[in-house]
PDB file of N, CA and C in Angstrom:
ATOM      1  N   UNK A   1     -57.364 -15.871-146.611  1.00  0.00           N
ATOM      2  CA  UNK A   1     -57.300 -17.046-147.075  1.00  0.00           C
ATOM      3  C   UNK A   1     -57.563 -18.233-146.612  1.00  0.00           C
ATOM      4  N   UNK A   2     -58.178 -19.174-147.239  1.00  0.00           N
ATOM      5  CA  UNK A   2     -58.691 -20.539-146.403  1.00  0.00           C
ATOM      6  C   UNK A   2     -57.631 -21.107-146.302  1.00  0.00           C
ATOM      7  N   UNK A   3     -58.470 -22.504-146.016  1.00  0.00           N
ATOM      8  CA  UNK A   3     -57.733 -23.844-145.880  1.00  0.00           C
ATOM      9  C   UNK A   3     -57.348 -24.318-146.931  1.00  0.00           C
ATOM     10  N   UNK A   4     -57.981 -24.133-148.111  1.00  0.00           N
ATOM     11  CA  UNK A   4     -58.051 -24.581-149.562  1.00  0.00           C
ATOM     12  C   UNK A   4     -57.265 -23.359-150.495  1.00  0.00           C
ATOM     13  N   UNK A   5     -56.831 -22.378-149.869  1.00  0.00           N
ATOM     14  CA  UNK A   5     -56.198 -21.773-150.536  1.00  0.00           C
ATOM     15  C   UNK A   5     -55.085 -21.725-151.556  1.00  0.00           C
ATOM     16  N   UNK A   6     -54.733 -21.161-152.693  1.00  0.00           N
ATOM     17  CA  UNK A   6     -53.620 -21.445-153.837  1.00  0.00           C
ATOM     18  C   UNK A   6     -52.605 -21.726-153.357  1.00  0.00           C
ATOM     19  N   UNK A   7     -52.080 -22.974-153.397  1.00  0.00           N
ATOM     20  CA  UNK A   7     -50.790 -23.375-152.998  1.00  0.00           C
ATOM     21  C   UNK A   7     -49.771 -23.642-154.258  1.00  0.00           C
ATOM     22  N   UNK A   8     -49.998 -23.256-155.417  1.00  0.00           N
ATOM     23  CA  UNK A   8     -48.997 -22.970-156.430  1.00  0.00           C
ATOM     24  C   UNK A   8     -47.965 -22.195-156.632  1.00  0.00           C
ATOM     25  N   UNK A   9     -46.785 -22.488-157.301  1.00  0.00           N
ATOM     26  CA  UNK A   9     -45.556 -21.719-157.108  1.00  0.00           C
ATOM     27  C   UNK A   9     -45.504 -21.636-158.448  1.00  0.00           C
ATOM     28  N   UNK A  10     -44.934 -20.586-158.959  1.00  0.00           N
ATOM     29  CA  UNK A  10     -44.627 -20.116-160.371  1.00  0.00           C
ATOM     30  C   UNK A  10     -43.386 -19.585-160.446  1.00  0.00           C
ATOM     31  N   UNK A  11     -42.848 -19.893-161.596  1.00  0.00           N
ATOM     32  CA  UNK A  11     -41.528 -18.949-162.042  1.00  0.00           C
ATOM     33  C   UNK A  11     -41.826 -18.603-163.573  1.00  0.00           C
ATOM     34  N   UNK A  12     -41.327 -17.345-163.957  1.00  0.00           N
ATOM     35  CA  UNK A  12     -41.496 -17.122-165.419  1.00  0.00           C
ATOM     36  C   UNK A  12     -40.275 -16.649-165.746  1.00  0.00           C
ATOM     37  N   UNK A  13     -39.815 -16.852-166.639  1.00  0.00           N
ATOM     38  CA  UNK A  13     -38.424 -16.911-167.611  1.00  0.00           C
ATOM     39  C   UNK A  13     -38.527 -16.521-169.097  1.00  0.00           C
ATOM     40  N   UNK A  14     -37.426 -15.686-169.185  1.00  0.00           N
ATOM     41  CA  UNK A  14     -37.109 -15.461-170.557  1.00  0.00           C
ATOM     42  C   UNK A  14     -35.876 -15.628-171.117  1.00  0.00           C
ATOM     43  N   UNK A  15     -35.811 -16.350-172.377  1.00  0.00           N
ATOM     44  CA  UNK A  15     -34.309 -16.365-172.913  1.00  0.00           C
ATOM     45  C   UNK A  15     -33.987 -15.904-174.535  1.00  0.00           C
ATOM     46  N   UNK A  16     -32.702 -15.388-175.030  1.00  0.00           N
ATOM     47  CA  UNK A  16     -32.714 -15.084-176.241  1.00  0.00           C
ATOM     48  C   UNK A  16     -32.209 -16.306-177.007  1.00  0.00           C
ATOM     49  N   UNK A  17     -33.181 -17.285-176.883  1.00  0.00           N
ATOM     50  CA  UNK A  17     -32.507 -18.583-177.592  1.00  0.00           C
ATOM     51  C   UNK A  17     -33.820 -19.110-178.279  1.00  0.00           C
ATOM     52  N   UNK A  18     -33.726 -19.906-179.772  1.00  0.00           N
ATOM     53  CA  UNK A  18     -34.867 -20.397-180.335  1.00  0.00           C
ATOM     54  C   UNK A  18     -35.769 -21.161-179.258  1.00  0.00           C
ATOM     55  N   UNK A  19     -37.091 -21.058-179.799  1.00  0.00           N
ATOM     56  CA  UNK A  19     -38.261 -21.917-178.993  1.00  0.00           C
ATOM     57  C   UNK A  19     -37.796 -23.303-178.970  1.00  0.00           C
ATOM     58  N   UNK A  20     -37.797 -23.836-180.170  1.00  0.00           N
ATOM     59  CA  UNK A  20     -37.604 -25.299-180.273  1.00  0.00           C
ATOM     60  C   UNK A  20     -36.319 -25.749-179.331  1.00  0.00           C
ATOM     61  N   UNK A  21     -35.398 -25.225-179.148  1.00  0.00           N
ATOM     62  CA  UNK A  21     -34.216 -25.488-178.516  1.00  0.00           C
ATOM     63  C   UNK A  21     -34.469 -25.149-176.951  1.00  0.00           C
ATOM     64  N   UNK A  22     -35.005 -24.160-176.711  1.00  0.00           N
ATOM     65  CA  UNK A  22     -35.516 -24.080-175.282  1.00  0.00           C
ATOM     66  C   UNK A  22     -36.631 -25.357-174.604  1.00  0.00           C
ATOM     67  N   UNK A  23     -37.335 -26.110-175.698  1.00  0.00           N
ATOM     68  CA  UNK A  23     -38.641 -26.988-175.047  1.00  0.00           C
ATOM     69  C   UNK A  23     -37.788 -28.026-174.855  1.00  0.00           C
ATOM     70  N   UNK A  24     -36.724 -28.757-175.917  1.00  0.00           N
ATOM     71  CA  UNK A  24     -36.075 -29.635-175.901  1.00  0.00           C
ATOM     72  C   UNK A  24     -35.248 -29.463-174.498  1.00  0.00           C
ATOM     73  N   UNK A  25     -34.777 -28.724-174.375  1.00  0.00           N
ATOM     74  CA  UNK A  25     -33.650 -28.432-173.145  1.00  0.00           C
ATOM     75  C   UNK A  25     -34.565 -28.293-171.748  1.00  0.00           C
ATOM     76  N   UNK A  26     -35.871 -27.824-172.019  1.00  0.00           N
ATOM     77  CA  UNK A  26     -36.621 -28.056-170.659  1.00  0.00           C
ATOM     78  C   UNK A  26     -37.022 -29.362-170.371  1.00  0.00           C
ATOM     79  N   UNK A  27     -37.285 -30.413-171.439  1.00  0.00           N
ATOM     80  CA  UNK A  27     -37.471 -31.868-171.410  1.00  0.00           C
ATOM     81  C   UNK A  27     -36.173 -32.614-170.562  1.00  0.00           C
ATOM     82  N   UNK A  28     -34.950 -32.078-171.144  1.00  0.00           N
ATOM     83  CA  UNK A  28     -33.829 -32.686-170.585  1.00  0.00           C
ATOM     84  C   UNK A  28     -33.797 -32.132-169.089  1.00  0.00           C
ATOM     85  N   UNK A  29     -33.771 -31.158-168.730  1.00  0.00           N
ATOM     86  CA  UNK A  29     -33.695 -30.435-167.356  1.00  0.00           C
ATOM     87  C   UNK A  29     -34.524 -30.828-166.361  1.00  0.00           C
ATOM     88  N   UNK A  30     -35.941 -31.274-166.886  1.00  0.00           N
ATOM     89  CA  UNK A  30     -36.890 -31.961-166.128  1.00  0.00           C
ATOM     90  C   UNK A  30     -36.214 -33.531-165.988  1.00  0.00           C
ATOM     91  N   UNK A  31     -35.818 -34.060-166.928  1.00  0.00           N
ATOM     92  CA  UNK A  31     -35.149 -35.252-166.198  1.00  0.00           C
ATOM     93  C   UNK A  31     -34.063 -35.404-165.436  1.00  0.00           C
ATOM     94  N   UNK A  32     -33.227 -34.539-165.740  1.00  0.00           N
ATOM     95  CA  UNK A  32     -32.196 -34.281-164.331  1.00  0.00           C
ATOM     96  C   UNK A  32     -32.541 -34.011-163.462  1.00  0.00           C
ATOM     97  N   UNK A  33     -33.830 -33.067-163.187  1.00  0.00           N
ATOM     98  CA  UNK A  33     -34.144 -33.042-161.679  1.00  0.00           C
ATOM     99  C   UNK A  33     -35.155 -34.191-161.337  1.00  0.00           C
ATOM    100  N   UNK A  34     -35.241 -35.045-161.898  1.00  0.00           N
ATOM    101  CA  UNK A  34     -36.176 -36.166-161.306  1.00  0.00           C
ATOM    102  C   UNK A  34     -37.661 -36.131-161.602  1.00  0.00           C
ATOM    103  N   UNK A  35     -37.781 -35.233-162.506  1.00  0.00           N
ATOM    104  CA  UNK A  35     -39.380 -35.502-162.667  1.00  0.00           C
ATOM    105  C   UNK A  35     -39.564 -36.274-164.048  1.00  0.00           C
ATOM    106  N   UNK A  36     -40.881 -36.789-163.675  1.00  0.00           N
ATOM    107  CA  UNK A  36     -41.437 -37.751-164.767  1.00  0.00           C
ATOM    108  C   UNK A  36     -42.405 -36.977-165.659  1.00  0.00           C
ATOM    109  N   UNK A  37     -41.825 -37.392-167.238  1.00  0.00           N
ATOM    110  CA  UNK A  37     -42.468 -36.563-167.789  1.00  0.00           C
ATOM    111  C   UNK A  37     -43.700 -37.296-168.486  1.00  0.00           C
ATOM    112  N   UNK A  38     -44.657 -36.434-168.180  1.00  0.00           N
ATOM    113  CA  UNK A  38     -46.100 -37.167-168.183  1.00  0.00           C
ATOM    114  C   UNK A  38     -46.814 -37.073-169.688  1.00  0.00           C
ATOM    115  N   UNK A  39     -46.082 -35.821-170.313  1.00  0.00           N
ATOM    116  CA  UNK A  39     -46.564 -35.487-171.741  1.00  0.00           C
ATOM    117  C   UNK A  39     -45.816 -34.642-172.113  1.00  0.00           C
ATOM    118  N   UNK A  40     -45.441 -34.527-173.199  1.00  0.00           N
ATOM    119  CA  UNK A  40     -44.700 -33.406-174.233  1.00  0.00           C
ATOM    120  C   UNK A  40     -45.330 -32.838-175.263  1.00  0.00           C
ATOM    121  N   UNK A  41     -46.200 -32.038-175.319  1.00  0.00           N
ATOM    122  CA  UNK A  41     -46.645 -31.303-176.764  1.00  0.00           C
ATOM    123  C   UNK A  41     -46.039 -30.317-177.399  1.00  0.00           C
ATOM    124  N   UNK A  42     -45.347 -30.835-177.767  1.00  0.00           N
ATOM    125  CA  UNK A  42     -44.649 -30.161-178.784  1.00  0.00           C
ATOM    126  C   UNK A  42     -44.956 -29.204-179.943  1.00  0.00           C
ATOM    127  N   UNK A  43     -46.407 -29.307-180.042  1.00  0.00           N
ATOM    128  CA  UNK A  43     -47.119 -28.538-181.130  1.00  0.00           C
ATOM    129  C   UNK A  43     -47.571 -27.084-180.323  1.00  0.00           C
ATOM    130  N   UNK A  44     -48.142 -27.376-179.164  1.00  0.00           N
ATOM    131  CA  UNK A  44     -48.434 -26.122-178.233  1.00  0.00           C
ATOM    132  C   UNK A  44     -47.266 -25.482-177.096  1.00  0.00           C
ATOM    133  N   UNK A  45     -46.149 -26.495-177.305  1.00  0.00           N
ATOM    134  CA  UNK A  45     -44.877 -26.203-176.510  1.00  0.00           C
ATOM    135  C   UNK A  45     -45.320 -26.098-175.108  1.00  0.00           C
ATOM    136  N   UNK A  46     -45.815 -27.266-174.844  1.00  0.00           N
ATOM    137  CA  UNK A  46     -46.142 -27.531-172.901  1.00  0.00           C
ATOM    138  C   UNK A  46     -45.774 -28.611-172.817  1.00  0.00           C
ATOM    139  N   UNK A  47     -45.535 -28.704-171.402  1.00  0.00           N
ATOM    140  CA  UNK A  47     -44.633 -29.960-170.944  1.00  0.00           C
ATOM    141  C   UNK A  47     -45.134 -30.684-169.682  1.00  0.00           C
ATOM    142  N   UNK A  48     -45.678 -31.312-169.318  1.00  0.00           N
ATOM    143  CA  UNK A  48     -46.301 -31.936-167.844  1.00  0.00           C
ATOM    144  C   UNK A  48     -45.715 -32.962-167.663  1.00  0.00           C
ATOM    145  N   UNK A  49     -45.045 -32.349-166.306  1.00  0.00           N
ATOM    146  CA  UNK A  49     -44.171 -33.289-165.185  1.00  0.00           C
ATOM    147  C   UNK A  49     -44.777 -33.673-164.063  1.00  0.00           C
ATOM    148  N   UNK A  50     -44.609 -34.604-163.369  1.00  0.00           N
ATOM    149  CA  UNK A  50     -44.824 -35.066-162.008  1.00  0.00           C
ATOM    150  C   UNK A  50     -43.881 -35.821-161.348  1.00  0.00           C
ATOM    151  N   UNK A  51     -44.232 -35.365-159.996  1.00  0.00           N
ATOM    152  CA  UNK A  51     -42.779 -35.948-159.206  1.00  0.00           C
ATOM    153  C   UNK A  51     -43.913 -36.619-157.999  1.00  0.00           C
ATOM    154  N   UNK A  52     -43.124 -37.536-157.484  1.00  0.00           N
ATOM    155  CA  UNK A  52     -44.009 -38.532-156.849  1.00  0.00           C
ATOM    156  C   UNK A  52     -43.617 -38.095-155.326  1.00  0.00           C
ATOM    157  N   UNK A  53     -44.136 -39.081-154.295  1.00  0.00           N
ATOM    158  CA  UNK A  53     -44.039 -38.822-152.647  1.00  0.00           C
ATOM    159  C   UNK A  53     -43.013 -38.280-152.473  1.00  0.00           C
ATOM    160  N   UNK A  54     -43.299 -37.833-151.178  1.00  0.00           N
ATOM    161  CA  UNK A  54     -41.446 -37.468-150.576  1.00  0.00           C
ATOM    162  C   UNK A  54     -42.112 -37.251-149.137  1.00  0.00           C
ATOM    163  N   UNK A  55     -40.690 -37.158-148.106  1.00  0.00           N
ATOM    164  CA  UNK A  55     -41.219 -36.892-146.793  1.00  0.00           C
ATOM    165  C   UNK A  55     -41.996 -35.826-146.748  1.00  0.00           C
ATOM    166  N   UNK A  56     -42.002 -34.891-147.381  1.00  0.00           N
ATOM    167  CA  UNK A  56     -42.577 -33.530-147.156  1.00  0.00           C
ATOM    168  C   UNK A  56     -43.986 -33.113-147.869  1.00  0.00           C
ATOM    169  N   UNK A  57     -44.123 -34.012-148.832  1.00  0.00           N
ATOM    170  CA  UNK A  57     -45.351 -33.627-149.674  1.00  0.00           C
ATOM    171  C   UNK A  57     -46.100 -35.148-150.291  1.00  0.00           C
ATOM    172  N   UNK A  58     -47.317 -35.177-150.593  1.00  0.00           N
ATOM    173  CA  UNK A  58     -47.886 -36.252-151.522  1.00  0.00           C
ATOM    174  C   UNK A  58     -47.137 -36.028-153.140  1.00  0.00           C
ATOM    175  N   UNK A  59     -46.333 -35.222-153.663  1.00  0.00           N
ATOM    176  CA  UNK A  59     -46.052 -35.257-154.980  1.00  0.00           C
ATOM    177  C   UNK A  59     -46.504 -33.864-155.668  1.00  0.00           C
ATOM    178  N   UNK A  60     -45.996 -33.470-156.646  1.00  0.00           N
ATOM    179  CA  UNK A  60     -46.591 -32.496-157.233  1.00  0.00           C
ATOM    180  C   UNK A  60     -46.791 -32.734-158.695  1.00  0.00           C
ATOM    181  N   UNK A  61     -47.496 -31.673-159.447  1.00  0.00           N
ATOM    182  CA  UNK A  61     -47.735 -31.940-160.782  1.00  0.00           C
ATOM    183  C   UNK A  61     -47.289 -30.363-161.269  1.00  0.00           C
ATOM    184  N   UNK A  62     -46.409 -30.433-162.516  1.00  0.00           N
ATOM    185  CA  UNK A  62     -46.155 -28.956-162.865  1.00  0.00           C
ATOM    186  C   UNK A  62     -46.033 -28.749-164.437  1.00  0.00           C
ATOM    187  N   UNK A  63     -46.619 -28.117-164.865  1.00  0.00           N
ATOM    188  CA  UNK A  63     -46.690 -27.641-166.358  1.00  0.00           C
ATOM    189  C   UNK A  63     -45.663 -26.288-166.572  1.00  0.00           C
ATOM    190  N   UNK A  64     -44.972 -26.992-167.634  1.00  0.00           N
ATOM    191  CA  UNK A  64     -44.286 -25.887-168.302  1.00  0.00           C
ATOM    192  C   UNK A  64     -44.776 -25.489-169.642  1.00  0.00           C
ATOM    193  N   UNK A  65     -44.833 -24.155-169.644  1.00  0.00           N
ATOM    194  CA  UNK A  65     -45.371 -23.687-170.991  1.00  0.00           C
ATOM    195  C   UNK A  65     -44.603 -22.719-171.769  1.00  0.00           C
ATOM    196  N   UNK A  66     -44.299 -22.671-172.729  1.00  0.00           N
ATOM    197  CA  UNK A  66     -43.355 -21.603-173.415  1.00  0.00           C
ATOM    198  C   UNK A  66     -43.457 -20.888-174.672  1.00  0.00           C
ATOM    199  N   UNK A  67     -43.459 -19.673-175.379  1.00  0.00           N
ATOM    200  CA  UNK A  67     -44.076 -19.385-176.630  1.00  0.00           C
ATOM    201  C   UNK A  67     -43.122 -18.032-176.564  1.00  0.00           C
ATOM    202  N   UNK A  68     -43.153 -17.457-177.881  1.00  0.00           N
ATOM    203  CA  UNK A  68     -42.482 -16.442-178.123  1.00  0.00           C
ATOM    204  C   UNK A  68     -42.995 -15.067-177.559  1.00  0.00           C
ATOM    205  N   UNK A  69     -42.390 -14.153-176.662  1.00  0.00           N
ATOM    206  CA  UNK A  69     -43.169 -13.254-176.228  1.00  0.00           C
ATOM    207  C   UNK A  69     -43.076 -12.045-176.947  1.00  0.00           C
ATOM    208  N   UNK A  70     -43.593 -10.662-176.688  1.00  0.00           N
ATOM    209  CA  UNK A  70     -43.516  -9.759-177.629  1.00  0.00           C
ATOM    210  C   UNK A  70     -42.331  -9.526-178.162  1.00  0.00           C
ATOM    211  N   UNK A  71     -41.106  -9.113-176.993  1.00  0.00           N
ATOM    212  CA  UNK A  71     -39.840  -8.535-177.480  1.00  0.00           C
ATOM    213  C   UNK A  71     -38.777  -9.639-178.294  1.00  0.00           C
ATOM    214  N   UNK A  72     -39.620 -10.890-178.600  1.00  0.00           N
ATOM    215  CA  UNK A  72     -39.253 -11.728-179.565  1.00  0.00           C
ATOM    216  C   UNK A  72     -38.433 -12.940-178.999  1.00  0.00           C
ATOM    217  N   UNK A  73     -37.863 -12.902-177.344  1.00  0.00           N
ATOM    218  CA  UNK A  73     -37.352 -13.720-176.425  1.00  0.00           C
ATOM    219  C   UNK A  73     -38.366 -15.049-176.498  1.00  0.00           C
ATOM    220  N   UNK A  74     -37.926 -16.041-175.850  1.00  0.00           N
ATOM    221  CA  UNK A  74     -39.012 -17.299-175.539  1.00  0.00           C
ATOM    222  C   UNK A  74     -39.290 -16.985-173.963  1.00  0.00           C
ATOM    223  N   UNK A  75     -40.335 -17.255-173.632  1.00  0.00           N
ATOM    224  CA  UNK A  75     -40.723 -17.023-172.298  1.00  0.00           C
ATOM    225  C   UNK A  75     -41.395 -18.529-172.072  1.00  0.00           C
ATOM    226  N   UNK A  76     -40.562 -18.648-170.676  1.00  0.00           N
ATOM    227  CA  UNK A  76     -41.232 -19.774-170.052  1.00  0.00           C
ATOM    228  C   UNK A  76     -41.800 -19.480-168.559  1.00  0.00           C
ATOM    229  N   UNK A  77     -42.963 -20.515-168.290  1.00  0.00           N
ATOM    230  CA  UNK A  77     -43.406 -20.195-167.189  1.00  0.00           C
ATOM    231  C   UNK A  77     -43.697 -21.445-166.610  1.00  0.00           C
ATOM    232  N   UNK A  78     -43.084 -21.749-165.583  1.00  0.00           N
ATOM    233  CA  UNK A  78     -43.025 -23.166-164.871  1.00  0.00           C
ATOM    234  C   UNK A  78     -44.087 -22.976-163.749  1.00  0.00           C
ATOM    235  N   UNK A  79     -45.120 -23.641-163.550  1.00  0.00           N
ATOM    236  CA  UNK A  79     -46.304 -23.641-162.236  1.00  0.00           C
ATOM    237  C   UNK A  79     -46.172 -25.224-161.992  1.00  0.00           C
ATOM    238  N   UNK A  80     -46.376 -25.188-160.426  1.00  0.00           N
ATOM    239  CA  UNK A  80     -46.145 -26.320-159.802  1.00  0.00           C
ATOM    240  C   UNK A  80     -47.439 -26.679-158.701  1.00  0.00           C
ATOM    241  N   UNK A  81     -48.237 -27.505-158.989  1.00  0.00           N
ATOM    242  CA  UNK A  81     -49.186 -27.903-157.825  1.00  0.00           C
ATOM    243  C   UNK A  81     -49.122 -28.698-157.134  1.00  0.00           C
ATOM    244  N   UNK A  82     -49.578 -29.009-155.689  1.00  0.00           N
ATOM    245  CA  UNK A  82     -49.430 -30.015-155.275  1.00  0.00           C
ATOM    246  C   UNK A  82     -50.499 -31.014-155.620  1.00  0.00           C
ATOM    247  N   UNK A  83     -49.952 -32.261-155.545  1.00  0.00           N
ATOM    248  CA  UNK A  83     -51.503 -33.460-156.035  1.00  0.00           C
ATOM    249  C   UNK A  83     -52.348 -33.750-155.122  1.00  0.00           C
ATOM    250  N   UNK A  84     -51.905 -33.237-153.748  1.00  0.00           N
ATOM    251  CA  UNK A  84     -53.169 -33.167-152.696  1.00  0.00           C
ATOM    252  C   UNK A  84     -53.588 -31.487-152.431  1.00  0.00           C
ATOM    253  N   UNK A  85     -54.771 -31.289-152.405  1.00  0.00           N
ATOM    254  CA  UNK A  85     -54.455 -29.558-152.554  1.00  0.00           C
ATOM    255  C   UNK A  85     -54.553 -29.199-151.124  1.00  0.00           C
ATOM    256  N   UNK A  86     -54.660 -30.046-150.024  1.00  0.00           N
ATOM    257  CA  UNK A  86     -54.704 -29.524-148.326  1.00  0.00           C
ATOM    258  C   UNK A  86     -53.488 -29.799-147.942  1.00  0.00           C
ATOM    259  N   UNK A  87     -52.291 -30.027-148.480  1.00  0.00           N
ATOM    260  CA  UNK A  87     -50.835 -29.803-147.951  1.00  0.00           C
ATOM    261  C   UNK A  87     -50.768 -28.648-147.545  1.00  0.00           C
ATOM    262  N   UNK A  88     -50.167 -28.612-146.352  1.00  0.00           N
ATOM    263  CA  UNK A  88     -49.464 -27.641-145.693  1.00  0.00           C
ATOM    264  C   UNK A  88     -48.160 -27.552-145.867  1.00  0.00           C
ATOM    265  N   UNK A  89     -47.316 -28.114-146.200  1.00  0.00           N
ATOM    266  CA  UNK A  89     -45.602 -27.939-146.109  1.00  0.00           C
ATOM    267  C   UNK A  89     -45.400 -28.132-147.530  1.00  0.00           C
ATOM    268  N   UNK A  90     -46.259 -28.617-148.621  1.00  0.00           N
ATOM    269  CA  UNK A  90     -45.974 -28.734-149.751  1.00  0.00           C
ATOM    270  C   UNK A  90     -45.490 -27.521-150.652  1.00  0.00           C
ATOM    271  N   UNK A  91     -46.116 -26.288-150.217  1.00  0.00           N
ATOM    272  CA  UNK A  91     -45.428 -24.956-151.287  1.00  0.00           C
ATOM    273  C   UNK A  91     -43.917 -24.639-151.006  1.00  0.00           C
ATOM    274  N   UNK A  92     -43.375 -24.882-149.759  1.00  0.00           N
ATOM    275  CA  UNK A  92     -41.989 -24.645-149.493  1.00  0.00           C
ATOM    276  C   UNK A  92     -41.338 -25.423-150.730  1.00  0.00           C
ATOM    277  N   UNK A  93     -41.669 -26.703-150.324  1.00  0.00           N
ATOM    278  CA  UNK A  93     -40.884 -28.062-151.095  1.00  0.00           C
ATOM    279  C   UNK A  93     -41.044 -27.961-152.485  1.00  0.00           C
ATOM    280  N   UNK A  94     -42.462 -27.575-152.781  1.00  0.00           N
ATOM    281  CA  UNK A  94     -42.411 -27.237-154.632  1.00  0.00           C
ATOM    282  C   UNK A  94     -41.724 -26.265-154.976  1.00  0.00           C
ATOM    283  N   UNK A  95     -41.835 -25.039-154.169  1.00  0.00           N
ATOM    284  CA  UNK A  95     -41.095 -24.004-154.631  1.00  0.00           C
ATOM    285  C   UNK A  95     -39.456 -24.258-154.915  1.00  0.00           C
ATOM    286  N   UNK A  96     -38.941 -24.972-153.942  1.00  0.00           N
ATOM    287  CA  UNK A  96     -37.538 -25.258-154.198  1.00  0.00           C
ATOM    288  C   UNK A  96     -37.831 -26.006-155.489  1.00  0.00           C
ATOM    289  N   UNK A  97     -38.313 -27.192-155.700  1.00  0.00           N
ATOM    290  CA  UNK A  97     -38.272 -27.932-156.955  1.00  0.00           C
ATOM    291  C   UNK A  97     -38.116 -27.157-158.244  1.00  0.00           C
ATOM    292  N   UNK A  98     -39.074 -26.239-158.275  1.00  0.00           N
ATOM    293  CA  UNK A  98     -39.456 -25.432-159.457  1.00  0.00           C
ATOM    294  C   UNK A  98     -37.993 -24.514-159.481  1.00  0.00           C
ATOM    295  N   UNK A  99     -37.440 -24.194-158.389  1.00  0.00           N
ATOM    296  CA  UNK A  99     -36.306 -23.508-158.664  1.00  0.00           C
ATOM    297  C   UNK A  99     -35.261 -23.967-159.282  1.00  0.00           C
ATOM    298  N   UNK A 100     -35.261 -25.269-158.655  1.00  0.00           N
ATOM    299  CA  UNK A 100     -34.157 -26.258-159.241  1.00  0.00           C
ATOM    300  C   UNK A 100     -34.236 -26.341-160.722  1.00  0.00           C
ATOM    301  N   UNK A 101     -35.355 -26.854-160.849  1.00  0.00           N
ATOM    302  CA  UNK A 101     -35.601 -26.776-162.405  1.00  0.00           C
ATOM    303  C   UNK A 101     -35.451 -25.875-163.240  1.00  0.00           C
ATOM    304  N   UNK A 102     -35.958 -24.503-162.698  1.00  0.00           N
ATOM    305  CA  UNK A 102     -35.179 -23.454-163.559  1.00  0.00           C
ATOM    306  C   UNK A 102     -33.527 -23.151-163.874  1.00  0.00           C
ATOM    307  N   UNK A 103     -32.796 -23.613-162.647  1.00  0.00           N
ATOM    308  CA  UNK A 103     -31.772 -23.269-162.606  1.00  0.00           C
ATOM    309  C   UNK A 103     -31.454 -24.269-163.604  1.00  0.00           C
ATOM    310  N   UNK A 104     -31.602 -25.419-163.464  1.00  0.00           N
ATOM    311  CA  UNK A 104     -30.928 -26.645-164.402  1.00  0.00           C
ATOM    312  C   UNK A 104     -31.387 -26.122-166.065  1.00  0.00           C
ATOM    313  N   UNK A 105     -32.585 -25.374-166.232  1.00  0.00           N
ATOM    314  CA  UNK A 105     -33.007 -25.244-167.559  1.00  0.00           C
ATOM    315  C   UNK A 105     -31.929 -24.188-168.184  1.00  0.00           C
ATOM    316  N   UNK A 106     -31.451 -23.226-166.944  1.00  0.00           N
ATOM    317  CA  UNK A 106     -30.414 -21.843-167.244  1.00  0.00           C
ATOM    318  C   UNK A 106     -29.124 -22.614-167.523  1.00  0.00           C
ATOM    319  N   UNK A 107     -28.768 -23.799-166.951  1.00  0.00           N
ATOM    320  CA  UNK A 107     -27.413 -24.223-166.810  1.00  0.00           C
ATOM    321  C   UNK A 107     -27.288 -24.923-168.531  1.00  0.00           C
ATOM    322  N   UNK A 108     -28.646 -25.412-168.725  1.00  0.00           N
ATOM    323  CA  UNK A 108     -28.316 -26.215-170.013  1.00  0.00           C
ATOM    324  C   UNK A 108     -28.401 -25.108-171.366  1.00  0.00           C
ATOM    325  N   UNK A 109     -29.256 -23.940-171.076  1.00  0.00           N
ATOM    326  CA  UNK A 109     -29.181 -22.971-171.979  1.00  0.00           C
ATOM    327  C   UNK A 109     -27.843 -22.158-171.869  1.00  0.00           C
ATOM    328  N   UNK A 110     -27.000 -21.941-171.295  1.00  0.00           N
ATOM    329  CA  UNK A 110     -26.155 -21.149-170.708  1.00  0.00           C
ATOM    330  C   UNK A 110     -25.091 -21.866-169.986  1.00  0.00           C
ATOM    331  N   UNK A 111     -24.435 -22.551-170.563  1.00  0.00           N
ATOM    332  CA  UNK A 111     -23.709 -23.550-169.830  1.00  0.00           C
ATOM    333  C   UNK A 111     -22.363 -22.611-169.564  1.00  0.00           C
ATOM    334  N   UNK A 112     -21.779 -22.693-168.112  1.00  0.00           N
ATOM    335  CA  UNK A 112     -20.618 -21.509-167.781  1.00  0.00           C
ATOM    336  C   UNK A 112     -19.434 -21.309-168.722  1.00  0.00           C
ATOM    337  N   UNK A 113     -18.973 -22.044-169.698  1.00  0.00           N
ATOM    338  CA  UNK A 113     -18.051 -21.846-170.451  1.00  0.00           C
ATOM    339  C   UNK A 113     -18.334 -21.158-171.400  1.00  0.00           C
ATOM    340  N   UNK A 114     -19.782 -20.804-171.549  1.00  0.00           N
ATOM    341  CA  UNK A 114     -20.540 -19.690-172.896  1.00  0.00           C
ATOM    342  C   UNK A 114     -20.958 -18.533-172.387  1.00  0.00           C
ATOM    343  N   UNK A 115     -21.075 -18.380-171.130  1.00  0.00           N
ATOM    344  CA  UNK A 115     -21.556 -17.026-170.326  1.00  0.00           C
ATOM    345  C   UNK A 115     -21.055 -15.747-171.244  1.00  0.00           C
ATOM    346  N   UNK A 116     -21.943 -14.964-171.428  1.00  0.00           N
ATOM    347  CA  UNK A 116     -21.567 -13.759-171.643  1.00  0.00           C
ATOM    348  C   UNK A 116     -21.010 -13.743-173.292  1.00  0.00           C
ATOM    349  N   UNK A 117     -21.220 -15.006-174.203  1.00  0.00           N
ATOM    350  CA  UNK A 117     -20.741 -14.923-175.415  1.00  0.00           C
ATOM    351  C   UNK A 117     -21.822 -14.933-176.658  1.00  0.00           C
ATOM    352  N   UNK A 118     -23.186 -14.592-176.106  1.00  0.00           N
ATOM    353  CA  UNK A 118     -24.044 -14.361-177.062  1.00  0.00           C
ATOM    354  C   UNK A 118     -24.906 -15.647-177.196  1.00  0.00           C
ATOM    355  N   UNK A 119     -24.918 -16.805-176.577  1.00  0.00           N
ATOM    356  CA  UNK A 119     -25.286 -17.994-177.021  1.00  0.00           C
ATOM    357  C   UNK A 119     -26.715 -18.135-176.322  1.00  0.00           C
TER     358      UNK A 119
END
């Protein structure tokens, strides 16, 4: 791996929840996690997010893509890329941000008081 190797972070999720509901929850989760929504494409079920500069990175760009997967569930892929491709510490921070976004989406889709109730 060279200096400009792939620094993206990715998490894939699947939910037993209707696609439009997951899309709306993902938009809300992004806002709650401090992301700026650059574009919501509800025709292709894509959300484009960004996060500004911090002490550790120059910021990140996140794409949330979703669709119905072969088993009938709603699949969600969250991919984060650093805004500046030469950042050394960005991957670890961006991975934490992606995990936080996934966790917030899980909480919105399956609130603690409904866990195990089939929602």
